[in-house]
C-alpha atoms as a PDB file:
ATOM      1  CA  UNK A   1      -8.635 209.218  15.107  1.00  0.00           C
ATOM      2  CA  UNK A   2     -11.438 206.651  14.967  1.00  0.00           C
ATOM      3  CA  UNK A   3     -14.913 207.580  16.187  1.00  0.00           C
ATOM      4  CA  UNK A   4     -15.903 205.874  19.424  1.00  0.00           C
ATOM      5  CA  UNK A   5     -18.668 203.294  19.900  1.00  0.00           C
ATOM      6  CA  UNK A   6     -20.353 202.248  23.141  1.00  0.00           C
ATOM      7  CA  UNK A   7     -22.979 199.589  23.712  1.00  0.00           C
ATOM      8  CA  UNK A   8     -23.841 197.239  26.534  1.00  0.00           C
ATOM      9  CA  UNK A   9     -25.838 194.260  27.776  1.00  0.00           C
ATOM     10  CA  UNK A  10     -27.352 193.565  31.193  1.00  0.00           C
ATOM     11  CA  UNK A  11     -26.035 190.429  32.919  1.00  0.00           C
ATOM     12  CA  UNK A  12     -29.498 189.058  33.711  1.00  0.00           C
ATOM     13  CA  UNK A  13     -31.395 186.106  32.307  1.00  0.00           C
ATOM     14  CA  UNK A  14     -29.862 184.098  29.496  1.00  0.00           C
ATOM     15  CA  UNK A  15     -28.430 185.782  26.415  1.00  0.00           C
ATOM     16  CA  UNK A  16     -30.378 184.516  23.420  1.00  0.00           C
ATOM     17  CA  UNK A  17     -30.185 184.678  19.655  1.00  0.00           C
ATOM     18  CA  UNK A  18     -32.175 187.924  19.655  1.00  0.00           C
ATOM     19  CA  UNK A  19     -29.392 189.561  21.679  1.00  0.00           C
ATOM     20  CA  UNK A  20     -26.820 188.118  19.304  1.00  0.00           C
ATOM     21  CA  UNK A  21     -28.533 189.094  16.054  1.00  0.00           C
ATOM     22  CA  UNK A  22     -29.750 192.467  17.354  1.00  0.00           C
ATOM     23  CA  UNK A  23     -26.504 193.547  19.024  1.00  0.00           C
ATOM     24  CA  UNK A  24     -23.482 191.284  19.388  1.00  0.00           C
ATOM     25  CA  UNK A  25     -23.215 190.260  15.752  1.00  0.00           C
ATOM     26  CA  UNK A  26     -23.270 193.885  14.617  1.00  0.00           C
ATOM     27  CA  UNK A  27     -20.649 194.723  17.254  1.00  0.00           C
ATOM     28  CA  UNK A  28     -18.229 192.265  15.702  1.00  0.00           C
ATOM     29  CA  UNK A  29     -18.713 193.954  12.334  1.00  0.00           C
ATOM     30  CA  UNK A  30     -17.981 197.509  13.502  1.00  0.00           C
ATOM     31  CA  UNK A  31     -15.169 196.821  15.954  1.00  0.00           C
ATOM     32  CA  UNK A  32     -12.307 197.242  13.460  1.00  0.00           C
ATOM     33  CA  UNK A  33     -13.662 200.494  12.035  1.00  0.00           C
ATOM     34  CA  UNK A  34     -14.251 202.279  15.355  1.00  0.00           C
ATOM     35  CA  UNK A  35     -12.796 202.555  18.838  1.00  0.00           C
ATOM     36  CA  UNK A  36     -15.241 200.212  20.571  1.00  0.00           C
ATOM     37  CA  UNK A  37     -16.221 199.902  24.226  1.00  0.00           C
ATOM     38  CA  UNK A  38     -18.633 197.109  25.095  1.00  0.00           C
ATOM     39  CA  UNK A  39     -20.045 197.140  28.601  1.00  0.00           C
ATOM     40  CA  UNK A  40     -21.628 194.596  30.904  1.00  0.00           C
ATOM     41  CA  UNK A  41     -24.053 197.016  32.510  1.00  0.00           C
ATOM     42  CA  UNK A  42     -24.531 195.455  35.930  1.00  0.00           C
ATOM     43  CA  UNK A  43     -25.757 198.665  37.582  1.00  0.00           C
ATOM     44  CA  UNK A  44     -28.821 198.479  35.338  1.00  0.00           C
ATOM     45  CA  UNK A  45     -29.384 194.896  36.431  1.00  0.00           C
ATOM     46  CA  UNK A  46     -29.873 195.844  40.081  1.00  0.00           C
ATOM     47  CA  UNK A  47     -32.888 198.032  39.369  1.00  0.00           C
ATOM     48  CA  UNK A  48     -34.563 194.720  40.268  1.00  0.00           C
ATOM     49  CA  UNK A  49     -33.269 192.432  43.015  1.00  0.00           C
ATOM     50  CA  UNK A  50     -30.513 190.060  41.902  1.00  0.00           C
ATOM     51  CA  UNK A  51     -29.047 187.269  43.984  1.00  0.00           C
ATOM     52  CA  UNK A  52     -25.450 188.518  44.479  1.00  0.00           C
ATOM     53  CA  UNK A  53     -23.744 185.208  43.677  1.00  0.00           C
ATOM     54  CA  UNK A  54     -25.914 184.672  40.618  1.00  0.00           C
ATOM     55  CA  UNK A  55     -25.135 188.198  39.398  1.00  0.00           C
ATOM     56  CA  UNK A  56     -21.385 187.640  39.738  1.00  0.00           C
ATOM     57  CA  UNK A  57     -21.682 184.419  37.739  1.00  0.00           C
ATOM     58  CA  UNK A  58     -23.775 186.117  35.049  1.00  0.00           C
ATOM     59  CA  UNK A  59     -21.232 188.929  34.654  1.00  0.00           C
ATOM     60  CA  UNK A  60     -18.539 186.346  33.916  1.00  0.00           C
ATOM     61  CA  UNK A  61     -20.875 184.435  31.586  1.00  0.00           C
ATOM     62  CA  UNK A  62     -21.737 187.510  29.548  1.00  0.00           C
ATOM     63  CA  UNK A  63     -18.079 188.559  29.317  1.00  0.00           C
ATOM     64  CA  UNK A  64     -17.152 185.103  28.025  1.00  0.00           C
ATOM     65  CA  UNK A  65     -19.993 185.186  25.495  1.00  0.00           C
ATOM     66  CA  UNK A  66     -18.865 188.588  24.219  1.00  0.00           C
ATOM     67  CA  UNK A  67     -15.475 187.104  23.346  1.00  0.00           C
ATOM     68  CA  UNK A  68     -16.952 183.825  22.092  1.00  0.00           C
ATOM     69  CA  UNK A  69     -19.267 185.723  19.745  1.00  0.00           C
ATOM     70  CA  UNK A  70     -16.308 187.460  18.120  1.00  0.00           C
ATOM     71  CA  UNK A  71     -15.483 190.555  20.148  1.00  0.00           C
ATOM     72  CA  UNK A  72     -11.719 190.873  19.765  1.00  0.00           C
ATOM     73  CA  UNK A  73     -10.136 192.154  23.006  1.00  0.00           C
ATOM     74  CA  UNK A  74      -7.052 193.240  21.056  1.00  0.00           C
ATOM     75  CA  UNK A  75      -9.184 195.850  19.274  1.00  0.00           C
ATOM     76  CA  UNK A  76     -12.241 196.321  21.517  1.00  0.00           C
ATOM     77  CA  UNK A  77     -12.601 197.025  25.221  1.00  0.00           C
ATOM     78  CA  UNK A  78     -14.827 194.772  27.315  1.00  0.00           C
ATOM     79  CA  UNK A  79     -15.587 196.236  30.730  1.00  0.00           C
ATOM     80  CA  UNK A  80     -18.006 196.021  33.657  1.00  0.00           C
ATOM     81  CA  UNK A  81     -19.984 199.206  34.267  1.00  0.00           C
ATOM     82  CA  UNK A  82     -19.708 199.181  38.063  1.00  0.00           C
ATOM     83  CA  UNK A  83     -15.896 198.980  37.828  1.00  0.00           C
ATOM     84  CA  UNK A  84     -15.831 202.576  36.548  1.00  0.00           C
ATOM     85  CA  UNK A  85     -17.292 204.912  39.171  1.00  0.00           C
ATOM     86  CA  UNK A  86     -17.681 207.745  36.666  1.00  0.00           C
ATOM     87  CA  UNK A  87     -20.821 206.064  35.275  1.00  0.00           C
ATOM     88  CA  UNK A  88     -22.806 206.771  38.423  1.00  0.00           C
ATOM     89  CA  UNK A  89     -21.178 210.157  38.975  1.00  0.00           C
ATOM     90  CA  UNK A  90     -22.180 211.396  35.533  1.00  0.00           C
ATOM     91  CA  UNK A  91     -25.542 209.685  35.918  1.00  0.00           C
ATOM     92  CA  UNK A  92     -26.370 211.926  38.896  1.00  0.00           C
ATOM     93  CA  UNK A  93     -25.281 215.100  37.137  1.00  0.00           C
ATOM     94  CA  UNK A  94     -27.418 214.240  34.107  1.00  0.00           C
ATOM     95  CA  UNK A  95     -30.357 213.325  36.361  1.00  0.00           C
ATOM     96  CA  UNK A  96     -30.312 216.925  37.557  1.00  0.00           C
ATOM     97  CA  UNK A  97     -30.981 218.255  34.033  1.00  0.00           C
ATOM     98  CA  UNK A  98     -33.542 215.612  32.996  1.00  0.00           C
ATOM     99  CA  UNK A  99     -37.266 216.422  33.382  1.00  0.00           C
ATOM    100  CA  UNK A 100     -39.288 213.689  35.125  1.00  0.00           C
ATOM    101  CA  UNK A 101     -41.855 213.858  32.338  1.00  0.00           C
ATOM    102  CA  UNK A 102     -39.282 212.600  29.834  1.00  0.00           C
ATOM    103  CA  UNK A 103     -38.683 209.530  31.979  1.00  0.00           C
ATOM    104  CA  UNK A 104     -42.358 208.831  32.645  1.00  0.00           C
ATOM    105  CA  UNK A 105     -42.965 208.649  28.888  1.00  0.00           C
ATOM    106  CA  UNK A 106     -40.428 205.838  28.408  1.00  0.00           C
ATOM    107  CA  UNK A 107     -42.139 202.715  27.089  1.00  0.00           C
ATOM    108  CA  UNK A 108     -40.338 200.283  29.395  1.00  0.00           C
ATOM    109  CA  UNK A 109     -41.117 202.362  32.481  1.00  0.00           C
ATOM    110  CA  UNK A 110     -44.798 202.517  31.608  1.00  0.00           C
ATOM    111  CA  UNK A 111     -44.928 198.755  30.992  1.00  0.00           C
ATOM    112  CA  UNK A 112     -43.152 197.882  34.249  1.00  0.00           C
ATOM    113  CA  UNK A 113     -45.065 200.386  36.368  1.00  0.00           C
ATOM    114  CA  UNK A 114     -48.373 199.009  35.084  1.00  0.00           C
ATOM    115  CA  UNK A 115     -47.308 195.445  35.872  1.00  0.00           C
ATOM    116  CA  UNK A 116     -46.176 196.104  39.472  1.00  0.00           C
ATOM    117  CA  UNK A 117     -47.797 197.561  42.569  1.00  0.00           C
ATOM    118  CA  UNK A 118     -44.701 199.539  43.485  1.00  0.00           C
ATOM    119  CA  UNK A 119     -41.785 200.499  41.247  1.00  0.00           C
ATOM    120  CA  UNK A 120     -38.284 201.272  42.478  1.00  0.00           C
ATOM    121  CA  UNK A 121     -36.828 204.670  41.674  1.00  0.00           C
ATOM    122  CA  UNK A 122     -34.107 202.935  39.663  1.00  0.00           C
ATOM    123  CA  UNK A 123     -36.679 201.768  37.097  1.00  0.00           C
ATOM    124  CA  UNK A 124     -37.608 205.394  36.442  1.00  0.00           C
ATOM    125  CA  UNK A 125     -34.043 206.722  36.483  1.00  0.00           C
ATOM    126  CA  UNK A 126     -32.105 204.020  34.677  1.00  0.00           C
ATOM    127  CA  UNK A 127     -32.536 205.604  31.203  1.00  0.00           C
ATOM    128  CA  UNK A 128     -30.492 208.540  32.539  1.00  0.00           C
ATOM    129  CA  UNK A 129     -27.766 206.116  33.630  1.00  0.00           C
ATOM    130  CA  UNK A 130     -27.937 204.594  30.154  1.00  0.00           C
ATOM    131  CA  UNK A 131     -27.430 208.057  28.699  1.00  0.00           C
ATOM    132  CA  UNK A 132     -24.463 208.539  31.040  1.00  0.00           C
ATOM    133  CA  UNK A 133     -22.966 205.236  29.846  1.00  0.00           C
ATOM    134  CA  UNK A 134     -22.923 206.560  26.293  1.00  0.00           C
ATOM    135  CA  UNK A 135     -22.110 210.229  26.868  1.00  0.00           C
ATOM    136  CA  UNK A 136     -19.346 209.365  29.326  1.00  0.00           C
ATOM    137  CA  UNK A 137     -17.256 208.051  26.441  1.00  0.00           C
ATOM    138  CA  UNK A 138     -18.360 210.711  23.925  1.00  0.00           C
ATOM    139  CA  UNK A 139     -19.617 207.847  21.759  1.00  0.00           C
ATOM    140  CA  UNK A 140     -20.451 208.832  18.191  1.00  0.00           C
ATOM    141  CA  UNK A 141     -22.293 205.577  17.415  1.00  0.00           C
ATOM    142  CA  UNK A 142     -24.389 203.152  19.442  1.00  0.00           C
ATOM    143  CA  UNK A 143     -25.210 199.848  17.686  1.00  0.00           C
ATOM    144  CA  UNK A 144     -28.412 198.446  19.235  1.00  0.00           C
ATOM    145  CA  UNK A 145     -31.544 196.501  18.499  1.00  0.00           C
ATOM    146  CA  UNK A 146     -34.512 198.607  17.454  1.00  0.00           C
ATOM    147  CA  UNK A 147     -36.180 198.250  20.882  1.00  0.00           C
ATOM    148  CA  UNK A 148     -33.508 200.590  22.255  1.00  0.00           C
ATOM    149  CA  UNK A 149     -34.017 203.452  19.811  1.00  0.00           C
ATOM    150  CA  UNK A 150     -36.268 205.345  22.262  1.00  0.00           C
ATOM    151  CA  UNK A 151     -33.460 205.277  24.835  1.00  0.00           C
ATOM    152  CA  UNK A 152     -31.040 206.676  22.276  1.00  0.00           C
ATOM    153  CA  UNK A 153     -33.476 209.469  21.459  1.00  0.00           C
ATOM    154  CA  UNK A 154     -33.619 210.299  25.169  1.00  0.00           C
ATOM    155  CA  UNK A 155     -29.812 210.258  25.343  1.00  0.00           C
ATOM    156  CA  UNK A 156     -29.655 212.806  22.536  1.00  0.00           C
ATOM    157  CA  UNK A 157     -32.323 214.928  24.240  1.00  0.00           C
ATOM    158  CA  UNK A 158     -30.361 214.918  27.505  1.00  0.00           C
ATOM    159  CA  UNK A 159     -27.095 215.749  25.714  1.00  0.00           C
ATOM    160  CA  UNK A 160     -28.760 218.579  23.813  1.00  0.00           C
ATOM    161  CA  UNK A 161     -30.337 219.981  26.984  1.00  0.00           C
ATOM    162  CA  UNK A 162     -27.021 219.867  28.848  1.00  0.00           C
ATOM    163  CA  UNK A 163     -25.179 221.469  25.927  1.00  0.00           C
ATOM    164  CA  UNK A 164     -27.754 224.261  25.728  1.00  0.00           C
ATOM    165  CA  UNK A 165     -27.526 224.939  29.479  1.00  0.00           C
ATOM    166  CA  UNK A 166     -23.778 224.661  29.976  1.00  0.00           C
ATOM    167  CA  UNK A 167     -22.160 224.910  26.544  1.00  0.00           C
ATOM    168  CA  UNK A 168     -21.042 222.302  24.035  1.00  0.00           C
ATOM    169  CA  UNK A 169     -19.912 219.323  26.105  1.00  0.00           C
ATOM    170  CA  UNK A 170     -21.231 216.069  24.660  1.00  0.00           C
ATOM    171  CA  UNK A 171     -21.021 214.395  21.271  1.00  0.00           C
ATOM    172  CA  UNK A 172     -24.500 213.665  19.868  1.00  0.00           C
ATOM    173  CA  UNK A 173     -24.559 209.879  19.394  1.00  0.00           C
ATOM    174  CA  UNK A 174     -26.062 208.227  16.331  1.00  0.00           C
ATOM    175  CA  UNK A 175     -27.880 204.878  16.362  1.00  0.00           C
ATOM    176  CA  UNK A 176     -27.202 201.902  14.133  1.00  0.00           C
ATOM    177  CA  UNK A 177     -29.604 198.938  13.988  1.00  0.00           C
ATOM    178  CA  UNK A 178     -29.048 195.794  11.896  1.00  0.00           C
ATOM    179  CA  UNK A 179     -30.832 195.684   8.535  1.00  0.00           C
ATOM    180  CA  UNK A 180     -32.034 192.167   9.402  1.00  0.00           C
ATOM    181  CA  UNK A 181     -32.455 190.721  12.884  1.00  0.00           C
ATOM    182  CA  UNK A 182     -32.906 194.017  14.720  1.00  0.00           C
ATOM    183  CA  UNK A 183     -36.025 192.603  16.419  1.00  0.00           C
ATOM    184  CA  UNK A 184     -36.233 188.840  16.840  1.00  0.00           C
ATOM    185  CA  UNK A 185     -39.610 187.735  18.152  1.00  0.00           C
ATOM    186  CA  UNK A 186     -40.506 184.955  20.576  1.00  0.00           C
ATOM    187  CA  UNK A 187     -40.869 181.506  19.034  1.00  0.00           C
ATOM    188  CA  UNK A 188     -44.010 180.812  21.061  1.00  0.00           C
ATOM    189  CA  UNK A 189     -45.455 184.339  20.852  1.00  0.00           C
ATOM    190  CA  UNK A 190     -44.248 185.914  17.598  1.00  0.00           C
ATOM    191  CA  UNK A 191     -46.089 189.137  18.364  1.00  0.00           C
ATOM    192  CA  UNK A 192     -43.733 189.769  21.300  1.00  0.00           C
ATOM    193  CA  UNK A 193     -40.010 190.493  21.191  1.00  0.00           C
ATOM    194  CA  UNK A 194     -37.757 187.625  22.285  1.00  0.00           C
ATOM    195  CA  UNK A 195     -36.925 188.402  25.905  1.00  0.00           C
ATOM    196  CA  UNK A 196     -34.369 187.238  28.469  1.00  0.00           C
ATOM    197  CA  UNK A 197     -36.988 187.536  31.199  1.00  0.00           C
ATOM    198  CA  UNK A 198     -39.731 185.461  29.536  1.00  0.00           C
ATOM    199  CA  UNK A 199     -40.596 182.284  31.441  1.00  0.00           C
ATOM    200  CA  UNK A 200     -41.911 180.132  28.603  1.00  0.00           C
ATOM    201  CA  UNK A 201     -39.625 177.168  27.832  1.00  0.00           C
ATOM    202  CA  UNK A 202     -40.212 177.532  24.091  1.00  0.00           C
ATOM    203  CA  UNK A 203     -39.867 181.305  23.927  1.00  0.00           C
ATOM    204  CA  UNK A 204     -36.180 181.961  23.239  1.00  0.00           C
ATOM    205  CA  UNK A 205     -33.140 180.090  21.971  1.00  0.00           C
ATOM    206  CA  UNK A 206     -30.345 180.686  24.458  1.00  0.00           C
ATOM    207  CA  UNK A 207     -26.838 181.186  23.163  1.00  0.00           C
ATOM    208  CA  UNK A 208     -25.788 178.268  25.372  1.00  0.00           C
ATOM    209  CA  UNK A 209     -28.768 175.988  24.711  1.00  0.00           C
ATOM    210  CA  UNK A 210     -27.710 172.396  23.910  1.00  0.00           C
ATOM    211  CA  UNK A 211     -28.389 171.507  20.242  1.00  0.00           C
ATOM    212  CA  UNK A 212     -31.291 169.169  21.042  1.00  0.00           C
ATOM    213  CA  UNK A 213     -32.981 171.854  23.156  1.00  0.00           C
ATOM    214  CA  UNK A 214     -32.577 174.559  20.494  1.00  0.00           C
ATOM    215  CA  UNK A 215     -33.822 172.220  17.753  1.00  0.00           C
ATOM    216  CA  UNK A 216     -36.884 171.233  19.782  1.00  0.00           C
ATOM    217  CA  UNK A 217     -37.793 174.882  20.396  1.00  0.00           C
ATOM    218  CA  UNK A 218     -37.593 175.689  16.688  1.00  0.00           C
ATOM    219  CA  UNK A 219     -39.616 172.625  15.654  1.00  0.00           C
ATOM    220  CA  UNK A 220     -42.356 173.691  18.087  1.00  0.00           C
ATOM    221  CA  UNK A 221     -42.354 177.343  16.997  1.00  0.00           C
ATOM    222  CA  UNK A 222     -45.687 178.991  16.235  1.00  0.00           C
ATOM    223  CA  UNK A 223     -46.462 179.357  12.512  1.00  0.00           C
ATOM    224  CA  UNK A 224     -49.891 180.020  10.938  1.00  0.00           C
ATOM    225  CA  UNK A 225     -52.783 178.204   9.227  1.00  0.00           C
ATOM    226  CA  UNK A 226     -51.118 178.064   5.793  1.00  0.00           C
ATOM    227  CA  UNK A 227     -49.644 174.690   4.773  1.00  0.00           C
ATOM    228  CA  UNK A 228     -46.492 176.240   3.326  1.00  0.00           C
ATOM    229  CA  UNK A 229     -44.537 179.506   3.076  1.00  0.00           C
ATOM    230  CA  UNK A 230     -46.520 182.182   1.252  1.00  0.00           C
ATOM    231  CA  UNK A 231     -44.759 185.541   1.260  1.00  0.00           C
ATOM    232  CA  UNK A 232     -48.040 187.364   0.569  1.00  0.00           C
ATOM    233  CA  UNK A 233     -50.110 185.945   3.436  1.00  0.00           C
ATOM    234  CA  UNK A 234     -47.653 184.534   6.002  1.00  0.00           C
ATOM    235  CA  UNK A 235     -48.198 185.233   9.679  1.00  0.00           C
ATOM    236  CA  UNK A 236     -45.673 186.733  12.118  1.00  0.00           C
ATOM    237  CA  UNK A 237     -44.403 183.330  13.294  1.00  0.00           C
ATOM    238  CA  UNK A 238     -43.312 182.279   9.808  1.00  0.00           C
ATOM    239  CA  UNK A 239     -41.864 185.721   9.118  1.00  0.00           C
ATOM    240  CA  UNK A 240     -39.860 185.444  12.348  1.00  0.00           C
ATOM    241  CA  UNK A 241     -38.399 182.041  11.401  1.00  0.00           C
ATOM    242  CA  UNK A 242     -37.390 183.393   8.004  1.00  0.00           C
ATOM    243  CA  UNK A 243     -35.850 186.501   9.588  1.00  0.00           C
ATOM    244  CA  UNK A 244     -33.806 184.325  11.956  1.00  0.00           C
ATOM    245  CA  UNK A 245     -32.515 182.222   9.058  1.00  0.00           C
ATOM    246  CA  UNK A 246     -31.749 185.317   6.992  1.00  0.00           C
ATOM    247  CA  UNK A 247     -29.918 187.087   9.830  1.00  0.00           C
ATOM    248  CA  UNK A 248     -27.735 184.073  10.607  1.00  0.00           C
ATOM    249  CA  UNK A 249     -27.108 183.199   6.958  1.00  0.00           C
ATOM    250  CA  UNK A 250     -26.680 186.752   5.609  1.00  0.00           C
ATOM    251  CA  UNK A 251     -28.956 185.910   2.675  1.00  0.00           C
ATOM    252  CA  UNK A 252     -30.552 188.723   0.682  1.00  0.00           C
ATOM    253  CA  UNK A 253     -34.336 189.011   0.244  1.00  0.00           C
ATOM    254  CA  UNK A 254     -34.409 187.569  -3.278  1.00  0.00           C
ATOM    255  CA  UNK A 255     -32.482 184.475  -2.257  1.00  0.00           C
ATOM    256  CA  UNK A 256     -34.749 183.947   0.759  1.00  0.00           C
ATOM    257  CA  UNK A 257     -37.889 184.203  -1.378  1.00  0.00           C
ATOM    258  CA  UNK A 258     -36.551 181.965  -4.099  1.00  0.00           C
ATOM    259  CA  UNK A 259     -35.459 179.288  -1.661  1.00  0.00           C
ATOM    260  CA  UNK A 260     -38.376 179.188   0.796  1.00  0.00           C
ATOM    261  CA  UNK A 261     -41.436 180.110  -1.288  1.00  0.00           C
ATOM    262  CA  UNK A 262     -43.858 177.170  -1.146  1.00  0.00           C
ATOM    263  CA  UNK A 263     -41.771 175.199   1.361  1.00  0.00           C
ATOM    264  CA  UNK A 264     -43.793 173.251   3.929  1.00  0.00           C
ATOM    265  CA  UNK A 265     -43.379 174.383   7.508  1.00  0.00           C
ATOM    266  CA  UNK A 266     -41.758 171.176   8.735  1.00  0.00           C
ATOM    267  CA  UNK A 267     -38.986 171.585   6.181  1.00  0.00           C
ATOM    268  CA  UNK A 268     -38.692 175.308   6.918  1.00  0.00           C
ATOM    269  CA  UNK A 269     -38.179 174.607  10.609  1.00  0.00           C
ATOM    270  CA  UNK A 270     -35.590 171.914   9.899  1.00  0.00           C
ATOM    271  CA  UNK A 271     -33.572 174.314   7.764  1.00  0.00           C
ATOM    272  CA  UNK A 272     -33.845 177.116  10.331  1.00  0.00           C
ATOM    273  CA  UNK A 273     -32.706 174.701  13.041  1.00  0.00           C
ATOM    274  CA  UNK A 274     -29.693 173.588  11.002  1.00  0.00           C
ATOM    275  CA  UNK A 275     -28.686 177.192  10.305  1.00  0.00           C
ATOM    276  CA  UNK A 276     -28.994 178.173  13.978  1.00  0.00           C
ATOM    277  CA  UNK A 277     -27.158 175.116  15.303  1.00  0.00           C
ATOM    278  CA  UNK A 278     -24.371 175.477  12.754  1.00  0.00           C
ATOM    279  CA  UNK A 279     -23.931 179.127  13.776  1.00  0.00           C
ATOM    280  CA  UNK A 280     -24.028 178.495  17.534  1.00  0.00           C
ATOM    281  CA  UNK A 281     -21.636 175.516  17.573  1.00  0.00           C
ATOM    282  CA  UNK A 282     -18.353 177.471  17.232  1.00  0.00           C
ATOM    283  CA  UNK A 283     -19.575 180.130  19.678  1.00  0.00           C
ATOM    284  CA  UNK A 284     -20.378 177.507  22.301  1.00  0.00           C
ATOM    285  CA  UNK A 285     -17.044 175.760  21.753  1.00  0.00           C
ATOM    286  CA  UNK A 286     -15.152 179.034  22.169  1.00  0.00           C
ATOM    287  CA  UNK A 287     -17.213 179.820  25.292  1.00  0.00           C
ATOM    288  CA  UNK A 288     -16.168 176.516  26.881  1.00  0.00           C
ATOM    289  CA  UNK A 289     -12.528 177.280  26.156  1.00  0.00           C
ATOM    290  CA  UNK A 290     -12.746 180.773  27.684  1.00  0.00           C
ATOM    291  CA  UNK A 291     -14.564 179.718  30.854  1.00  0.00           C
ATOM    292  CA  UNK A 292     -12.016 176.975  31.455  1.00  0.00           C
ATOM    293  CA  UNK A 293      -9.615 179.794  32.441  1.00  0.00           C
ATOM    294  CA  UNK A 294     -11.335 182.114  34.972  1.00  0.00           C
ATOM    295  CA  UNK A 295      -8.108 184.065  35.510  1.00  0.00           C
ATOM    296  CA  UNK A 296      -8.167 185.120  31.851  1.00  0.00           C
ATOM    297  CA  UNK A 297     -11.633 186.652  32.257  1.00  0.00           C
ATOM    298  CA  UNK A 298     -10.707 188.461  35.480  1.00  0.00           C
ATOM    299  CA  UNK A 299      -7.629 189.958  33.833  1.00  0.00           C
ATOM    300  CA  UNK A 300      -9.597 190.887  30.717  1.00  0.00           C
ATOM    301  CA  UNK A 301     -12.240 192.796  32.683  1.00  0.00           C
ATOM    302  CA  UNK A 302      -9.708 194.499  34.947  1.00  0.00           C
ATOM    303  CA  UNK A 303      -7.646 195.708  32.009  1.00  0.00           C
ATOM    304  CA  UNK A 304     -10.806 196.845  30.211  1.00  0.00           C
ATOM    305  CA  UNK A 305     -11.800 199.045  33.138  1.00  0.00           C
ATOM    306  CA  UNK A 306      -8.262 200.418  33.390  1.00  0.00           C
ATOM    307  CA  UNK A 307      -8.281 201.249  29.682  1.00  0.00           C
ATOM    308  CA  UNK A 308     -11.504 203.291  29.717  1.00  0.00           C
ATOM    309  CA  UNK A 309     -11.231 204.917  33.141  1.00  0.00           C
ATOM    310  CA  UNK A 310      -9.086 207.853  31.907  1.00  0.00           C
ATOM    311  CA  UNK A 311     -11.648 208.627  29.174  1.00  0.00           C
ATOM    312  CA  UNK A 312     -14.509 208.495  31.677  1.00  0.00           C
ATOM    313  CA  UNK A 313     -12.705 210.586  34.280  1.00  0.00           C
ATOM    314  CA  UNK A 314     -11.849 213.213  31.667  1.00  0.00           C
ATOM    315  CA  UNK A 315     -15.518 213.596  30.757  1.00  0.00           C
ATOM    316  CA  UNK A 316     -16.552 213.891  34.411  1.00  0.00           C
ATOM    317  CA  UNK A 317     -13.941 216.599  34.986  1.00  0.00           C
ATOM    318  CA  UNK A 318     -15.244 218.530  31.980  1.00  0.00           C
ATOM    319  CA  UNK A 319     -18.859 218.234  33.144  1.00  0.00           C
ATOM    320  CA  UNK A 320     -17.935 219.390  36.653  1.00  0.00           C
ATOM    321  CA  UNK A 321     -16.094 222.360  35.197  1.00  0.00           C
ATOM    322  CA  UNK A 322     -19.085 223.249  33.012  1.00  0.00           C
ATOM    323  CA  UNK A 323     -21.491 222.987  35.959  1.00  0.00           C
ATOM    324  CA  UNK A 324     -19.257 224.882  38.404  1.00  0.00           C
ATOM    325  CA  UNK A 325     -18.795 221.920  40.725  1.00  0.00           C
ATOM    326  CA  UNK A 326     -15.756 221.629  43.001  1.00  0.00           C
ATOM    327  CA  UNK A 327     -13.014 219.244  41.945  1.00  0.00           C
END
């Protein structure tokens, strides 16, 4: 029996190349070696207000991009989190064994609570729901970008605490991050991770950006005061452009250094743009084909939920039995 994998993406903002290189691309590589479940985690999205019609549209967009990026629905399950009620049911039971202090230490909670006057309870609690997403399917491996490693550590802590209180119940999930591309930085602010929520027009390259828009963003990307690529003194902006090229092209370090050392920044940006556009073109074409048939997407997501629901329900029954709850 193959080990199980779970990972997910929120249907908010616009999926960008950081999401692709940090998560989706690695998903396509593991999907034939594991039993894979890839979720559109819409319950996480509503920790902040979402326009309902926009959210519905984004769920369909993300599902189509999953398939366009290479997720094979014959081998992998694509599902929407809120379609499987066991996510929230297990989330509550795990909340009851999770100390508040663990949640208050989470980096994203601290950042959001400092930036807002009031913070919804969902912002504090959503890492427990994320743990439930993973533990619900007894996932052995979670392929993520490196910004999610703290959440995976919390998931393991929660699983270990539950197992120590109620007996061995959950598989302890391992994390896998890409060797290259695990953290793609903003083109305009290369000291900050590329984000779906950033407002700057030159910050991120969207997976659905038209070629002229993506090229313009790359040509305007922040570099440094050097005239050309110097691997000893280059700033974070140049390093980010090289990492993007390397992650898309699957080049090793020696080939990258041999090819780009001493190259002027204008030429570097042109080559990065060509690599990105060449990689995005077939994904965007496949996306257009998928979205031309909305019934296909609806059927895909319904069958995905049906496929995983027995696994999820089995875990909830086991947890209830362990905790002494009525069922």
